[in-house]
Amino acid sequence: MQIIVGIAIVLGCVFGGFMINHGEMRVIWQPIELLIIGGAAVGALVLGNPKHVLAEMVTQTRKVITQRKQGPEFQRQLLLLMYELLQTASRGLKALDEHVEAPRESPLFSRYPLILDEPKLLAFIVDNFRLMAMGKINGHELEGVLEQELAAIDEELCQPAKSLQKIAEAMPGFGILAAVLGIVMAMNTVASGATAAEIATEVAAAMVGTFIGIFLCYGVLDPLSNVMKQLVKSELSTMECVKVVLVTHVSGKPPLLAIDAGRRLVQLNIKPSFAQLESWIGALEARA
């Protein structure tokens, strides 16, 4: 809903103001200018980024459009999943194998569908529980390993937003490119004996290219890249939560304290209280 409101404000103010000032929308509609600017932007993205970055950019854009957020219910499922996994590990690491080896077939993981819908987070959880099951590792060593892994994940997930930001910065230049080509065409009509009105129409169409480039930069791509950065920050915050839970558990703390340590890293607007966490765990144990 917030994205729709934002789009409505941008379009309403820009084009509404243009129409209030007696502008005609048919003047703005220049498909050739859009083809030049949009094609140059897409081509630059394809040229300057490997396939996996482009695929991740599409994934993040889809998440932004569909407004898939890691809300309170997501955090509840994550904390309870981690608690159940820690409880299972405390009964013996072999009991954990059947769940982490095939999480999508595990009855434990199946109780938490929102986590199963996040393949990167799921892989992070499973891989690091496997690491714990492979042998003895102390809290300090595990923390070092996880920090390096999170730094690599951060670099990879932030790359699409960085690439999109660079394209956003280039859009005014692409707009000028389309405008220059339009001016060239306008000058060509002068040589062919066009009237002053025809020349003015060609020049106006060319100037629309500059407008489109600036509008796409500051009204579309720059906000989109910013939302993608916030999305990545939210996903990394969730992985940081998992890291703290694992490190605290390996350091010898009981499962409840380990889960509470992770709870403290949840974003403030969706962080559950300790009382809520206790009630969730109490209800879980009552069902068991």
Protein backbone atom coordinates (compact mmCIF):
# COMPACT_ATOMS: atom_id res chain seq x y z
CA MET A 1 0.00 0.00 0.00
CA GLN A 2 2.80 2.41 0.87
CA ILE A 3 4.45 1.88 -2.53
CA ILE A 4 1.15 2.58 -4.32
CA VAL A 5 0.70 5.78 -2.31
CA GLY A 6 4.25 6.88 -3.13
CA ILE A 7 3.78 6.21 -6.86
CA ALA A 8 0.47 8.08 -6.82
CA ILE A 9 2.07 11.11 -5.16
CA VAL A 10 4.97 11.22 -7.64
CA LEU A 11 2.81 10.78 -10.74
CA GLY A 12 0.05 13.05 -9.45
CA CYS A 13 2.36 15.92 -8.56
CA VAL A 14 4.58 15.74 -11.66
CA PHE A 15 2.02 15.11 -14.37
CA GLY A 16 -0.86 16.74 -12.48
CA GLY A 17 1.16 19.94 -12.17
CA PHE A 18 1.99 19.75 -15.87
CA MET A 19 -1.69 19.45 -16.79
CA ILE A 20 -2.74 22.21 -14.37
CA ASN A 21 -0.33 24.45 -16.25
CA HIS A 22 -2.33 23.62 -19.42
CA GLY A 23 0.11 20.99 -20.63
CA GLU A 24 -1.08 18.16 -22.89
CA MET A 25 -0.11 14.59 -22.05
CA ARG A 26 0.19 13.65 -25.73
CA VAL A 27 3.25 15.90 -25.87
CA ILE A 28 4.93 13.84 -23.12
CA TRP A 29 4.20 10.51 -24.81
CA GLN A 30 7.27 9.95 -26.97
CA PRO A 31 7.76 6.18 -27.43
CA ILE A 32 10.97 6.58 -29.45
CA GLU A 33 12.57 8.60 -26.64
CA LEU A 34 11.48 5.90 -24.16
CA LEU A 35 12.95 3.21 -26.41
CA ILE A 36 16.31 4.99 -26.61
CA ILE A 37 16.56 5.75 -22.88
CA GLY A 38 15.11 2.46 -21.61
CA GLY A 39 17.08 0.38 -24.09
CA ALA A 40 20.34 2.12 -23.21
CA ALA A 41 19.68 1.57 -19.47
CA VAL A 42 18.83 -2.13 -19.88
CA GLY A 43 21.79 -2.66 -22.18
CA ALA A 44 24.14 -0.99 -19.70
CA LEU A 45 22.81 -3.21 -16.90
CA VAL A 46 23.33 -6.36 -18.96
CA LEU A 47 26.76 -5.22 -20.09
CA GLY A 48 28.01 -4.23 -16.65
CA ASN A 49 26.71 -7.07 -14.45
CA PRO A 50 27.12 -10.86 -14.36
CA LYS A 51 24.08 -13.08 -14.71
CA HIS A 52 23.73 -13.88 -10.99
CA VAL A 53 23.62 -10.16 -10.09
CA LEU A 54 20.88 -9.57 -12.67
CA ALA A 55 18.92 -12.55 -11.34
CA GLU A 56 19.21 -11.27 -7.77
CA MET A 57 18.13 -7.80 -8.95
CA VAL A 58 14.97 -9.32 -10.44
CA THR A 59 14.32 -11.25 -7.21
CA GLN A 60 14.73 -8.18 -5.01
CA THR A 61 12.60 -6.04 -7.32
CA ARG A 62 9.85 -8.66 -7.17
CA LYS A 63 10.01 -8.63 -3.37
CA VAL A 64 9.75 -4.83 -3.34
CA ILE A 65 6.76 -4.83 -5.69
CA THR A 66 4.92 -7.61 -3.87
CA GLN A 67 5.86 -5.99 -0.53
CA ARG A 68 7.11 -9.21 1.03
CA LYS A 69 8.33 -8.09 4.43
CA GLN A 70 9.75 -9.97 7.37
CA GLY A 71 7.05 -8.93 9.82
CA PRO A 72 6.16 -10.03 13.37
CA GLU A 73 4.84 -13.44 12.28
CA PHE A 74 8.06 -14.10 10.37
CA GLN A 75 10.12 -13.27 13.46
CA ARG A 76 7.92 -15.50 15.61
CA GLN A 77 8.44 -18.44 13.27
CA LEU A 78 12.20 -17.80 13.09
CA LEU A 79 12.69 -17.67 16.85
CA LEU A 80 10.56 -20.76 17.46
CA LEU A 81 12.33 -22.68 14.70
CA MET A 82 15.71 -21.83 16.23
CA TYR A 83 14.43 -22.88 19.65
CA GLU A 84 13.22 -26.24 18.36
CA LEU A 85 16.49 -26.84 16.53
CA LEU A 86 18.51 -26.05 19.66
CA GLN A 87 16.31 -28.35 21.72
CA THR A 88 16.78 -31.09 19.15
CA ALA A 89 20.56 -30.54 19.13
CA SER A 90 20.65 -30.83 22.92
CA ARG A 91 19.28 -34.39 22.60
CA GLY A 92 22.15 -35.32 20.31
CA LEU A 93 23.49 -34.05 17.02
CA LYS A 94 22.37 -37.19 15.19
CA ALA A 95 18.78 -36.27 15.98
CA LEU A 96 19.44 -33.00 14.16
CA ASP A 97 20.72 -34.62 10.97
CA GLU A 98 17.33 -35.73 9.68
CA HIS A 99 16.12 -32.14 9.77
CA VAL A 100 19.12 -30.20 8.43
CA GLU A 101 19.95 -32.69 5.66
CA ALA A 102 16.52 -32.32 4.03
CA PRO A 103 14.79 -29.30 5.58
CA ARG A 104 11.97 -29.16 3.04
CA GLU A 105 11.01 -32.72 3.93
CA SER A 106 11.41 -32.21 7.68
CA PRO A 107 8.23 -32.10 9.80
CA LEU A 108 10.02 -29.63 12.08
CA PHE A 109 10.76 -27.12 9.30
CA SER A 110 7.33 -27.64 7.72
CA ARG A 111 5.76 -25.96 10.75
CA TYR A 112 7.48 -22.74 9.73
CA PRO A 113 6.51 -22.05 6.08
CA LEU A 114 7.67 -18.42 6.08
CA ILE A 115 11.22 -19.57 6.76
CA LEU A 116 11.01 -22.20 4.01
CA ASP A 117 10.02 -19.40 1.61
CA GLU A 118 13.38 -17.67 2.23
CA PRO A 119 15.99 -19.90 0.53
CA LYS A 120 19.02 -17.79 1.52
CA LEU A 121 18.06 -17.71 5.18
CA LEU A 122 17.17 -21.39 5.14
CA ALA A 123 20.55 -22.27 3.65
CA PHE A 124 22.31 -20.12 6.25
CA ILE A 125 20.52 -21.88 9.12
CA VAL A 126 21.01 -25.40 7.75
CA ASP A 127 24.68 -24.92 6.81
CA ASN A 128 25.63 -23.61 10.22
CA PHE A 129 23.75 -26.28 12.14
CA ARG A 130 25.66 -28.77 9.97
CA LEU A 131 28.86 -26.98 10.99
CA MET A 132 27.95 -27.43 14.63
CA ALA A 133 27.20 -31.12 14.04
CA MET A 134 30.50 -31.81 12.27
CA GLY A 135 32.67 -31.38 15.34
CA LYS A 136 33.70 -29.28 18.29
CA ILE A 137 33.86 -25.54 17.69
CA ASN A 138 33.92 -22.89 20.38
CA GLY A 139 31.90 -19.69 20.41
CA HIS A 140 34.80 -17.46 19.38
CA GLU A 141 35.69 -19.61 16.37
CA LEU A 142 32.06 -19.88 15.27
CA GLU A 143 31.56 -16.13 15.58
CA GLY A 144 34.59 -15.48 13.37
CA VAL A 145 33.38 -17.90 10.71
CA LEU A 146 29.86 -16.44 10.69
CA GLU A 147 31.09 -12.84 10.54
CA GLN A 148 33.14 -13.64 7.44
CA GLU A 149 30.17 -15.41 5.85
CA LEU A 150 27.83 -12.51 6.60
CA ALA A 151 30.32 -10.02 5.15
CA ALA A 152 30.40 -12.04 1.91
CA ILE A 153 26.59 -12.29 1.83
CA ASP A 154 26.30 -8.55 2.46
CA GLU A 155 28.62 -7.77 -0.45
CA GLU A 156 26.73 -10.06 -2.81
CA LEU A 157 23.21 -8.97 -1.86
CA CYS A 158 24.06 -5.26 -1.97
CA GLN A 159 25.51 -5.46 -5.49
CA PRO A 160 22.12 -5.27 -7.32
CA ALA A 161 21.18 -2.07 -5.47
CA LYS A 162 24.61 -0.56 -6.20
CA SER A 163 24.31 -1.43 -9.89
CA LEU A 164 20.81 -0.01 -10.08
CA GLN A 165 22.00 3.16 -8.33
CA LYS A 166 24.70 3.62 -10.98
CA ILE A 167 22.14 3.23 -13.75
CA ALA A 168 19.89 5.75 -11.98
CA GLU A 169 22.76 8.23 -11.94
CA ALA A 170 23.28 7.61 -15.67
CA MET A 171 19.61 8.16 -16.63
CA PRO A 172 19.89 11.97 -17.02
CA GLY A 173 22.83 11.31 -19.37
CA PHE A 174 20.76 8.84 -21.38
CA GLY A 175 18.00 11.46 -21.47
CA ILE A 176 20.44 14.02 -22.87
CA LEU A 177 21.56 11.42 -25.42
CA ALA A 178 17.97 10.99 -26.61
CA ALA A 179 17.47 14.78 -26.64
CA VAL A 180 20.60 15.31 -28.77
CA LEU A 181 19.40 12.73 -31.27
CA GLY A 182 16.03 14.52 -31.33
CA ILE A 183 17.72 17.86 -31.99
CA VAL A 184 19.68 16.27 -34.83
CA MET A 185 16.39 15.12 -36.35
CA ALA A 186 14.91 18.59 -35.84
CA MET A 187 17.84 20.21 -37.64
CA ASN A 188 17.39 17.70 -40.44
CA THR A 189 13.82 18.92 -40.91
CA VAL A 190 15.19 22.49 -41.26
CA ALA A 191 17.30 21.35 -44.19
CA SER A 192 14.24 19.76 -45.79
CA GLY A 193 12.30 23.07 -45.59
CA ALA A 194 10.06 22.42 -42.58
CA THR A 195 7.96 25.21 -41.14
CA ALA A 196 8.72 26.90 -37.81
CA ALA A 197 5.81 25.05 -36.15
CA GLU A 198 7.11 21.67 -37.33
CA ILE A 199 10.61 22.47 -36.10
CA ALA A 200 9.24 23.57 -32.70
CA THR A 201 7.32 20.28 -32.40
CA GLU A 202 10.48 18.28 -33.12
CA VAL A 203 12.52 20.29 -30.59
CA ALA A 204 9.81 19.86 -27.93
CA ALA A 205 9.77 16.10 -28.51
CA ALA A 206 13.56 16.05 -28.15
CA MET A 207 13.41 17.92 -24.83
CA VAL A 208 11.03 15.27 -23.49
CA GLY A 209 14.00 12.88 -23.55
CA THR A 210 15.80 14.99 -20.95
CA PHE A 211 12.66 15.06 -18.81
CA ILE A 212 12.23 11.28 -19.03
CA GLY A 213 15.84 10.65 -18.02
CA ILE A 214 15.64 12.93 -14.98
CA PHE A 215 12.22 11.60 -13.97
CA LEU A 216 13.30 7.95 -14.17
CA CYS A 217 16.44 8.74 -12.17
CA TYR A 218 14.93 10.62 -9.23
CA GLY A 219 11.34 9.41 -9.38
CA VAL A 220 11.76 5.68 -10.07
CA LEU A 221 15.20 4.06 -10.03
CA ASP A 222 16.81 5.95 -7.16
CA PRO A 223 13.89 5.23 -4.75
CA LEU A 224 13.81 1.62 -5.96
CA SER A 225 17.52 1.11 -5.25
CA ASN A 226 17.05 2.65 -1.80
CA VAL A 227 14.20 0.25 -0.97
CA MET A 228 16.34 -2.66 -2.18
CA LYS A 229 19.13 -1.58 0.19
CA GLN A 230 16.65 -1.54 3.08
CA LEU A 231 15.38 -4.98 2.04
CA VAL A 232 18.92 -6.39 2.12
CA LYS A 233 19.56 -4.73 5.48
CA SER A 234 16.44 -6.43 6.86
CA GLU A 235 17.52 -9.85 5.54
CA LEU A 236 21.02 -9.45 6.97
CA SER A 237 19.54 -8.40 10.31
CA THR A 238 17.67 -11.71 10.37
CA MET A 239 20.88 -13.63 9.64
CA GLU A 240 22.65 -11.67 12.39
CA CYS A 241 19.91 -12.84 14.73
CA VAL A 242 20.60 -16.46 13.75
CA LYS A 243 24.34 -15.92 14.20
CA VAL A 244 23.94 -14.57 17.73
CA VAL A 245 21.64 -17.47 18.68
CA LEU A 246 24.19 -20.03 17.47
CA VAL A 247 27.20 -18.32 19.05
CA THR A 248 25.39 -17.93 22.38
CA HIS A 249 24.32 -21.59 22.34
CA VAL A 250 27.83 -22.85 21.50
CA SER A 251 29.16 -20.72 24.35
CA GLY A 252 27.19 -22.91 26.73
CA LYS A 253 24.02 -20.92 27.38
CA PRO A 254 20.63 -22.69 27.55
CA PRO A 255 18.29 -22.49 24.53
CA LEU A 256 15.98 -19.85 26.03
CA LEU A 257 18.85 -17.44 26.73
CA ALA A 258 20.31 -18.08 23.27
CA ILE A 259 16.96 -17.30 21.62
CA ASP A 260 16.58 -14.16 23.73
CA ALA A 261 20.04 -13.00 22.63
CA GLY A 262 18.86 -13.29 19.02
CA ARG A 263 15.56 -11.56 19.81
CA ARG A 264 17.48 -8.46 20.87
CA LEU A 265 18.77 -8.00 17.31
CA VAL A 266 15.31 -7.95 15.72
CA GLN A 267 14.33 -4.59 14.25
CA LEU A 268 12.66 -2.35 16.83
CA ASN A 269 9.36 -1.99 14.98
CA ILE A 270 8.76 -5.76 14.98
CA LYS A 271 10.81 -6.91 17.98
CA PRO A 272 8.76 -9.10 20.34
CA SER A 273 9.08 -8.57 24.07
CA PHE A 274 10.70 -11.21 26.29
CA ALA A 275 7.25 -11.94 27.73
CA GLN A 276 5.91 -12.63 24.23
CA LEU A 277 8.86 -14.91 23.51
CA GLU A 278 8.23 -16.84 26.72
CA SER A 279 4.53 -17.20 25.89
CA TRP A 280 5.34 -18.53 22.39
CA ILE A 281 7.80 -21.06 23.77
CA GLY A 282 5.35 -22.02 26.54
CA ALA A 283 2.61 -22.67 23.98
CA LEU A 284 5.05 -24.68 21.85
CA GLU A 285 6.08 -26.88 24.77
CA ALA A 286 2.45 -27.32 25.82
CA ARG A 287 1.59 -28.69 22.35
CA ALA A 288 4.59 -31.01 22.53
